[in-house]
Amino acid sequence: MTERRTPMQGWGVEALRLMLVTDEALCAGRPLEQVVAAAVRGGVRCVQLREKQLGTRAFVERARALKSLLAPLRVPLVVNDRVDVALACGADGVHLGQSDMPVEDARRLLPPEVFIGWSVESFDDLRRAASLPLDYLGTSPVFATATKSDAAPPWGLEGLRAARDATALPLVAIGGLHAGNAALAIAHGADSVAVVSAICAAADPEAAARELARAVGEGAR
């Protein structure tokens, strides 16, 4: 009999509370590692490396650099899309989209301690998620966003609440999130808020992360 997997085993849901999803193009010429370090000082709990324009070698190098930065701080590194890159750098998690490697294949390839997140864009996706070896779900997008050009129609806050009622897995809300609406996302059922431009494009990433962390905490009350 296969041992039942506990979502986010070894980390806990709190490790997802505020997630930074990277986009170097939004960093205004600042080194990505500098922006990430500032964001973590401000309260980011998890970093997802999403750099779709990088070749494999550069992606692995960037991932290893971030892993070296984050590991001593006990902040998990999640690699977006690329299971091979996650394996090469010893990432703590992988986030997959609807067109990426099937979740079952990723689970077979990855060490058991590496957690897997999956983007869900509809209730059909939520129903499919129930039978997959997943650790969290990314409800994408909650609000309209310019960061992801091929995004599905927004869930909205009521859609987010309905998603919460439909699954016991941790929910990471992403898409159009910022300090002004992060508390609403948490109050409507999200366990976590993930942001891109709200931190990467901020003049002061540390201050932006601190404001977001405060908002996320307020939403959980």
Protein backbone atom coordinates (compact mmCIF):
# COMPACT_ATOMS: atom_id res chain seq x y z
CA MET A 1 0.00 0.00 0.00
CA THR A 2 1.39 3.41 -1.00
CA GLU A 3 1.94 5.79 1.90
CA ARG A 4 -0.52 8.68 1.80
CA ARG A 5 1.22 11.94 0.99
CA THR A 6 0.68 14.94 3.24
CA PRO A 7 0.55 18.18 1.22
CA MET A 8 3.61 20.40 1.76
CA GLN A 9 5.26 17.68 3.85
CA GLY A 10 8.40 18.98 5.49
CA TRP A 11 7.34 22.61 5.07
CA GLY A 12 3.74 23.29 6.03
CA VAL A 13 1.29 25.69 4.43
CA GLU A 14 2.86 28.68 6.20
CA ALA A 15 5.88 28.34 3.89
CA LEU A 16 3.63 29.53 1.06
CA ARG A 17 2.05 32.48 2.87
CA LEU A 18 3.64 35.15 0.66
CA MET A 19 5.22 33.96 -2.58
CA LEU A 20 7.36 36.00 -4.94
CA VAL A 21 7.23 34.90 -8.58
CA THR A 22 10.24 36.33 -10.37
CA ASP A 23 10.35 38.32 -13.57
CA GLU A 24 13.78 39.79 -14.21
CA ALA A 25 12.43 42.05 -16.96
CA LEU A 26 10.46 43.96 -14.30
CA CYS A 27 13.45 44.51 -12.02
CA ALA A 28 14.55 47.75 -13.74
CA GLY A 29 18.11 46.54 -14.33
CA ARG A 30 18.68 45.45 -10.74
CA PRO A 31 20.22 42.00 -10.21
CA LEU A 32 17.48 39.46 -9.57
CA GLU A 33 19.28 38.09 -6.53
CA GLN A 34 19.31 41.59 -5.03
CA VAL A 35 15.54 41.98 -5.50
CA VAL A 36 14.87 38.51 -4.09
CA ALA A 37 17.06 39.12 -1.03
CA ALA A 38 15.26 42.40 -0.33
CA ALA A 39 11.87 40.73 -0.74
CA VAL A 40 12.79 37.99 1.73
CA ARG A 41 13.93 40.59 4.26
CA GLY A 42 10.51 42.18 3.86
CA GLY A 43 8.61 38.98 4.57
CA VAL A 44 8.43 36.83 1.43
CA ARG A 45 8.20 33.18 2.55
CA CYS A 46 8.68 31.38 -0.78
CA VAL A 47 10.31 32.24 -4.13
CA GLN A 48 9.22 30.82 -7.47
CA LEU A 49 11.79 31.21 -10.23
CA ARG A 50 9.89 31.88 -13.46
CA GLU A 51 12.23 32.96 -16.24
CA LYS A 52 10.75 31.66 -19.51
CA GLN A 53 13.24 33.51 -21.71
CA LEU A 54 16.33 31.86 -20.25
CA GLY A 55 18.07 28.93 -21.93
CA THR A 56 18.56 25.78 -19.89
CA ARG A 57 22.15 26.46 -18.81
CA ALA A 58 21.39 30.02 -17.71
CA PHE A 59 18.22 28.86 -15.96
CA VAL A 60 20.14 26.25 -13.97
CA GLU A 61 22.82 28.78 -13.02
CA ARG A 62 20.20 31.29 -11.86
CA ALA A 63 18.37 28.59 -9.93
CA ARG A 64 21.55 27.45 -8.17
CA ALA A 65 22.39 31.03 -7.22
CA LEU A 66 18.94 31.55 -5.70
CA LYS A 67 19.06 28.19 -3.92
CA SER A 68 22.36 29.22 -2.30
CA LEU A 69 20.79 32.49 -1.22
CA LEU A 70 17.54 31.03 0.13
CA ALA A 71 18.54 27.71 1.70
CA PRO A 72 20.30 29.22 4.77
CA LEU A 73 17.19 31.35 5.36
CA ARG A 74 14.87 28.32 5.24
CA VAL A 75 12.95 29.87 2.33
CA PRO A 76 11.86 27.29 -0.28
CA LEU A 77 12.82 27.73 -3.92
CA VAL A 78 10.19 26.66 -6.45
CA VAL A 79 11.07 26.25 -10.12
CA ASN A 80 8.37 27.10 -12.63
CA ASP A 81 7.67 24.56 -15.41
CA ARG A 82 11.09 22.92 -15.62
CA VAL A 83 11.42 19.64 -13.72
CA ASP A 84 14.92 19.16 -15.16
CA VAL A 85 16.08 22.51 -13.79
CA ALA A 86 14.52 21.72 -10.40
CA LEU A 87 16.43 18.44 -10.26
CA ALA A 88 19.69 20.07 -11.31
CA CYS A 89 19.61 22.77 -8.64
CA GLY A 90 17.99 20.82 -5.81
CA ALA A 91 14.88 22.99 -5.73
CA ASP A 92 12.36 22.51 -2.93
CA GLY A 93 9.34 22.64 -5.21
CA VAL A 94 8.07 22.73 -8.78
CA HIS A 95 5.12 24.66 -10.14
CA LEU A 96 3.41 23.26 -13.23
CA GLY A 97 0.86 24.78 -15.59
CA GLN A 98 -1.81 23.15 -17.68
CA SER A 99 0.50 22.69 -20.68
CA ASP A 100 3.56 21.52 -18.74
CA MET A 101 4.73 18.02 -17.87
CA PRO A 102 1.88 15.90 -16.47
CA VAL A 103 1.80 15.98 -12.68
CA GLU A 104 2.03 12.18 -12.40
CA ASP A 105 5.25 12.14 -14.45
CA ALA A 106 6.76 14.97 -12.44
CA ARG A 107 5.96 13.15 -9.19
CA ARG A 108 7.71 10.00 -10.44
CA LEU A 109 10.83 11.95 -11.41
CA LEU A 110 11.14 14.20 -8.36
CA PRO A 111 12.37 13.19 -4.91
CA PRO A 112 9.45 12.68 -2.51
CA GLU A 113 10.35 15.72 -0.42
CA VAL A 114 10.01 18.09 -3.42
CA PHE A 115 6.52 19.57 -3.41
CA ILE A 116 4.41 20.21 -6.52
CA GLY A 117 2.02 23.05 -7.24
CA TRP A 118 -0.38 23.18 -10.17
CA SER A 119 -2.17 26.10 -11.81
CA VAL A 120 -5.95 25.68 -11.94
CA GLU A 121 -7.93 27.89 -14.29
CA SER A 122 -11.39 26.31 -14.02
CA PHE A 123 -13.56 24.06 -11.88
CA ASP A 124 -12.76 21.21 -14.26
CA ASP A 125 -9.11 21.66 -13.28
CA LEU A 126 -10.11 21.59 -9.61
CA ARG A 127 -11.96 18.31 -10.09
CA ARG A 128 -8.95 16.78 -11.87
CA ALA A 129 -6.65 17.97 -9.07
CA ALA A 130 -8.44 15.73 -6.57
CA SER A 131 -6.86 12.64 -8.11
CA LEU A 132 -3.36 14.06 -8.63
CA PRO A 133 -0.32 13.90 -6.28
CA LEU A 134 -0.28 17.63 -5.59
CA ASP A 135 0.77 19.78 -2.64
CA TYR A 136 -0.93 23.07 -3.51
CA LEU A 137 -3.02 24.71 -6.22
CA GLY A 138 -2.46 28.09 -7.84
CA THR A 139 -5.78 29.78 -8.64
CA SER A 140 -4.82 31.72 -11.74
CA PRO A 141 -5.64 34.50 -12.30
CA VAL A 142 -7.72 35.90 -9.45
CA PHE A 143 -7.84 39.33 -11.08
CA ALA A 144 -6.99 40.46 -14.59
CA THR A 145 -3.24 40.84 -15.04
CA ALA A 146 -0.86 42.11 -17.70
CA THR A 147 2.00 39.97 -16.35
CA LYS A 148 0.74 36.81 -18.07
CA SER A 149 -0.55 37.46 -21.58
CA ASP A 150 -2.21 34.05 -22.04
CA ALA A 151 -4.07 34.05 -18.73
CA ALA A 152 -7.52 32.48 -18.46
CA PRO A 153 -10.59 34.53 -17.41
CA PRO A 154 -10.23 35.78 -13.81
CA TRP A 155 -11.67 33.75 -10.94
CA GLY A 156 -12.69 36.86 -9.02
CA LEU A 157 -13.19 36.83 -5.26
CA GLU A 158 -16.39 34.81 -5.33
CA GLY A 159 -14.78 32.29 -7.66
CA LEU A 160 -11.89 32.05 -5.21
CA ARG A 161 -14.33 31.37 -2.38
CA ALA A 162 -16.03 28.65 -4.46
CA ALA A 163 -12.61 27.12 -5.22
CA ARG A 164 -11.90 27.04 -1.47
CA ASP A 165 -15.11 25.13 -0.91
CA ALA A 166 -14.20 22.65 -3.67
CA THR A 167 -10.77 21.49 -2.43
CA ALA A 168 -8.87 20.79 0.77
CA LEU A 169 -5.51 21.54 -0.87
CA PRO A 170 -3.73 24.81 -0.03
CA LEU A 171 -4.69 27.60 -2.44
CA VAL A 172 -2.18 30.15 -3.72
CA ALA A 173 -3.92 33.16 -5.24
CA ILE A 174 -2.06 34.78 -8.14
CA GLY A 175 -2.92 37.33 -10.78
CA GLY A 176 -3.42 41.05 -10.20
CA LEU A 177 -2.58 40.79 -6.49
CA HIS A 178 -1.04 43.69 -4.58
CA ALA A 179 -1.06 45.21 -1.12
CA GLY A 180 -4.48 46.76 -1.76
CA ASN A 181 -6.31 43.49 -2.39
CA ALA A 182 -4.13 40.76 -0.83
CA ALA A 183 -6.15 40.73 2.40
CA LEU A 184 -9.35 40.18 0.39
CA ALA A 185 -7.85 37.15 -1.33
CA ILE A 186 -6.94 35.60 2.03
CA ALA A 187 -10.34 36.46 3.49
CA HIS A 188 -12.01 34.71 0.54
CA GLY A 189 -10.21 31.44 1.12
CA ALA A 190 -6.66 31.67 -0.22
CA ASP A 191 -3.91 30.32 2.00
CA SER A 192 -1.29 32.34 0.17
CA VAL A 193 -0.81 35.30 -2.13
CA ALA A 194 1.71 35.19 -4.97
CA VAL A 195 2.87 38.38 -6.64
CA VAL A 196 5.12 39.35 -9.52
CA SER A 197 5.13 43.06 -10.41
CA ALA A 198 4.00 44.20 -6.94
CA ILE A 199 7.51 43.35 -5.73
CA CYS A 200 9.74 42.98 -8.81
CA ALA A 201 8.72 46.37 -10.21
CA ALA A 202 8.62 48.16 -6.86
CA ALA A 203 11.13 50.94 -6.23
CA ASP A 204 11.76 49.39 -2.81
CA PRO A 205 11.14 45.60 -2.97
CA GLU A 206 11.75 45.16 0.76
CA ALA A 207 9.16 47.77 1.71
CA ALA A 208 6.71 46.39 -0.87
CA ALA A 209 7.11 42.88 0.56
CA ARG A 210 6.65 44.17 4.10
CA GLU A 211 3.41 45.91 3.14
CA LEU A 212 2.15 42.76 1.41
CA ALA A 213 3.07 40.58 4.39
CA ARG A 214 1.12 42.93 6.64
CA ALA A 215 -1.91 42.78 4.34
CA VAL A 216 -1.78 38.98 4.15
CA GLY A 217 -1.66 38.80 7.95
CA GLU A 218 -4.65 41.12 8.24
CA GLY A 219 -6.65 38.99 5.82
CA ALA A 220 -6.07 35.91 7.95
CA ARG A 221 -7.57 37.44 11.08
